[in-house]
Amino acid sequence: MENNKWTPKRICAILVIIFLVFIYVATLVVAIVWPGNGAKLFAMCLFATVVVPIVAYIYIWIYSKITGKRTIASVPEVQGAQDEVSEEEES
């Protein structure tokens, strides 16, 4: 069965991809048409390439905390660590 569910995680990922592609194309076009600002736009692209996915990850993490749903940004629970804590408390 095909899963075509539009989740906030999928929408966020698509928006991030569209934004990054847009700034790369815009940088290329502006660097060709207006060569004086190429270095500034390249720096902006590098900054956005790092910052935009981090912001998207934080958005997904906050969404998981608000809704209580498990997402890709959820911290996995470690089963062994919980057992060790309860054993130390019993001693």
Protein backbone atom coordinates (compact mmCIF):
# COMPACT_ATOMS: atom_id res chain seq x y z
CA MET A 1 0.00 0.00 0.00
CA GLU A 2 1.28 3.43 -0.92
CA ASN A 3 1.87 5.99 1.83
CA ASN A 4 0.93 9.46 0.47
CA LYS A 5 0.30 11.02 3.86
CA TRP A 6 1.42 14.67 4.00
CA THR A 7 2.98 14.86 7.44
CA PRO A 8 4.54 18.03 8.89
CA LYS A 9 7.91 16.27 8.68
CA ARG A 10 7.52 15.65 4.94
CA ILE A 11 6.23 19.18 4.29
CA CYS A 12 9.14 20.68 6.21
CA ALA A 13 11.67 18.56 4.30
CA ILE A 14 10.18 19.55 0.94
CA LEU A 15 10.18 23.24 1.88
CA VAL A 16 13.83 23.05 2.96
CA ILE A 17 14.81 21.37 -0.33
CA ILE A 18 12.89 23.95 -2.38
CA PHE A 19 14.47 26.82 -0.43
CA LEU A 20 18.01 25.48 -0.83
CA VAL A 21 17.57 24.85 -4.56
CA PHE A 22 16.13 28.35 -4.96
CA ILE A 23 19.08 30.04 -3.27
CA TYR A 24 21.58 27.99 -5.31
CA VAL A 25 19.88 28.92 -8.58
CA ALA A 26 19.53 32.55 -7.51
CA THR A 27 23.22 32.67 -6.56
CA LEU A 28 24.22 31.23 -9.92
CA VAL A 29 22.02 33.66 -11.87
CA VAL A 30 23.15 36.70 -9.89
CA ALA A 31 26.82 35.67 -10.11
CA ILE A 32 26.50 35.49 -13.91
CA VAL A 33 24.49 38.71 -14.32
CA TRP A 34 26.09 40.76 -11.53
CA PRO A 35 29.57 39.36 -10.83
CA GLY A 36 30.50 41.83 -8.06
CA ASN A 37 28.26 40.17 -5.44
CA GLY A 38 29.14 36.53 -6.12
CA ALA A 39 31.28 36.10 -3.00
CA LYS A 40 28.60 37.49 -0.67
CA LEU A 41 25.92 35.27 -2.19
CA PHE A 42 28.19 32.23 -2.00
CA ALA A 43 28.75 32.91 1.71
CA MET A 44 24.98 33.22 2.16
CA CYS A 45 24.47 29.86 0.43
CA LEU A 46 27.01 28.16 2.66
CA PHE A 47 25.38 29.67 5.73
CA ALA A 48 21.88 28.61 4.60
CA THR A 49 23.10 25.12 3.70
CA VAL A 50 24.09 24.60 7.32
CA VAL A 51 21.49 26.66 9.20
CA VAL A 52 18.26 25.81 7.32
CA PRO A 53 18.45 22.02 7.92
CA ILE A 54 19.30 22.64 11.58
CA VAL A 55 16.28 24.92 11.96
CA ALA A 56 14.10 22.32 10.22
CA TYR A 57 15.39 19.62 12.60
CA ILE A 58 14.61 21.82 15.60
CA TYR A 59 11.10 22.46 14.20
CA ILE A 60 10.50 18.71 13.84
CA TRP A 61 11.87 18.08 17.35
CA ILE A 62 9.59 20.75 18.88
CA TYR A 63 6.64 19.31 16.94
CA SER A 64 7.36 15.87 18.43
CA LYS A 65 7.51 17.34 21.94
CA ILE A 66 4.24 19.26 21.53
CA THR A 67 2.25 16.42 19.96
CA GLY A 68 3.90 13.54 21.81
CA LYS A 69 4.43 11.71 18.51
CA ARG A 70 7.70 9.96 17.76
CA THR A 71 9.56 11.59 14.86
CA ILE A 72 12.98 11.36 13.26
CA ALA A 73 14.18 14.01 15.73
CA SER A 74 13.01 12.10 18.80
CA VAL A 75 15.70 10.92 21.19
CA PRO A 76 15.65 7.12 21.40
CA GLU A 77 15.09 5.58 24.80
CA VAL A 78 17.91 3.34 26.01
CA GLN A 79 16.54 0.27 27.76
CA GLY A 80 19.75 -0.76 29.56
CA ALA A 81 20.37 2.67 31.09
CA GLN A 82 16.98 2.69 32.82
CA ASP A 83 17.63 -0.75 34.35
CA GLU A 84 21.02 0.40 35.74
CA VAL A 85 19.44 3.44 37.40
CA SER A 86 16.74 1.38 39.13
CA GLU A 87 19.37 -1.15 40.36
CA GLU A 88 21.45 1.66 41.90
CA GLU A 89 18.39 3.07 43.68
CA GLU A 90 17.60 -0.33 45.21
CA SER A 91 21.14 -0.65 46.72
